Amino acid sequence: MRIMEKEYTLYKGNEVIAEGTIREIAQQTGLKEATIRSYGSPSYQKIAKTDRNHRELVPLDKYTLGRGNKDDRE
């Protein structure tokens, strides 16, 4: 049985930059996988909160299963 990898959306401000697994997003953007993971960390989000163009990594299932969307968070 194959385990499915979690999928994400990477945002820069309100713009979608890429979607897919961490590996796929890294390939699409040319960034390292560790960099992509850091965009989803609470410490990065705390620092980037004041920057309108900060990047944010959001798990797809978090907002696609009827729990709201990116604009509803806050």
Protein backbone atom coordinates (compact mmCIF):
# COMPACT_ATOMS: atom_id res chain seq x y z
CA MET A 1 0.00 0.00 0.00
CA ARG A 2 1.39 3.38 -1.02
CA ILE A 3 1.13 6.26 1.44
CA MET A 4 -0.08 9.47 -0.18
CA GLU A 5 2.05 12.52 0.45
CA LYS A 6 0.36 15.57 1.85
CA GLU A 7 -0.30 18.35 -0.65
CA TYR A 8 0.00 22.08 -0.11
CA THR A 9 -0.57 25.45 -1.70
CA LEU A 10 2.23 28.01 -1.51
CA TYR A 11 1.03 31.60 -1.40
CA LYS A 12 2.91 34.87 -1.73
CA GLY A 13 0.52 37.37 -0.22
CA ASN A 14 -2.82 36.39 -1.81
CA GLU A 15 -1.22 34.98 -4.99
CA VAL A 16 -0.93 31.23 -5.50
CA ILE A 17 2.69 30.42 -6.36
CA ALA A 18 2.52 26.61 -6.56
CA GLU A 19 0.55 23.56 -5.48
CA GLY A 20 1.55 19.97 -4.80
CA THR A 21 3.77 18.03 -2.44
CA ILE A 22 6.77 19.69 -0.79
CA ARG A 23 8.99 18.09 -3.45
CA GLU A 24 6.79 19.26 -6.33
CA ILE A 25 6.61 22.82 -4.99
CA ALA A 26 10.41 22.86 -4.60
CA GLN A 27 10.79 21.75 -8.23
CA GLN A 28 8.26 24.34 -9.47
CA THR A 29 9.86 27.22 -7.58
CA GLY A 30 13.54 26.24 -7.65
CA LEU A 31 13.69 26.49 -3.84
CA LYS A 32 15.00 23.83 -1.46
CA GLU A 33 12.49 21.51 0.22
CA ALA A 34 13.65 22.77 3.64
CA THR A 35 12.84 26.34 2.58
CA ILE A 36 9.35 25.32 1.47
CA ARG A 37 8.75 23.53 4.80
CA SER A 38 9.89 26.60 6.72
CA TYR A 39 7.12 28.69 5.12
CA GLY A 40 4.60 26.56 7.00
CA SER A 41 6.28 26.88 10.39
CA PRO A 42 4.69 28.93 13.18
CA SER A 43 7.96 30.78 13.80
CA TYR A 44 8.18 31.95 10.16
CA GLN A 45 4.52 32.97 10.15
CA LYS A 46 5.02 35.01 13.31
CA ILE A 47 7.96 36.89 11.78
CA ALA A 48 6.32 37.32 8.37
CA LYS A 49 2.95 38.48 9.70
CA THR A 50 3.76 42.16 9.10
CA ASP A 51 4.88 41.61 5.47
CA ARG A 52 1.98 41.71 2.98
CA ASN A 53 4.00 39.66 0.47
CA HIS A 54 5.21 36.94 2.83
CA ARG A 55 5.06 33.35 1.69
CA GLU A 56 2.75 30.88 3.38
CA LEU A 57 2.50 27.12 3.01
CA VAL A 58 -1.06 25.87 3.56
CA PRO A 59 -2.06 22.18 3.63
CA LEU A 60 -4.68 21.67 0.90
CA ASP A 61 -7.00 19.57 3.07
CA LYS A 62 -7.17 22.33 5.68
CA TYR A 63 -9.17 24.63 3.40
CA THR A 64 -10.67 22.29 0.84
CA LEU A 65 -12.75 20.18 3.20
CA GLY A 66 -15.36 22.79 4.04
CA ARG A 67 -13.39 24.56 6.76
CA GLY A 68 -13.14 27.90 4.97
CA ASN A 69 -10.60 29.40 2.61
CA LYS A 70 -7.44 31.46 2.85
CA ASP A 71 -9.33 34.76 3.17
CA ASP A 72 -11.44 33.43 6.07
CA ARG A 73 -8.44 32.68 8.32
CA GLU A 74 -7.81 35.55 10.77
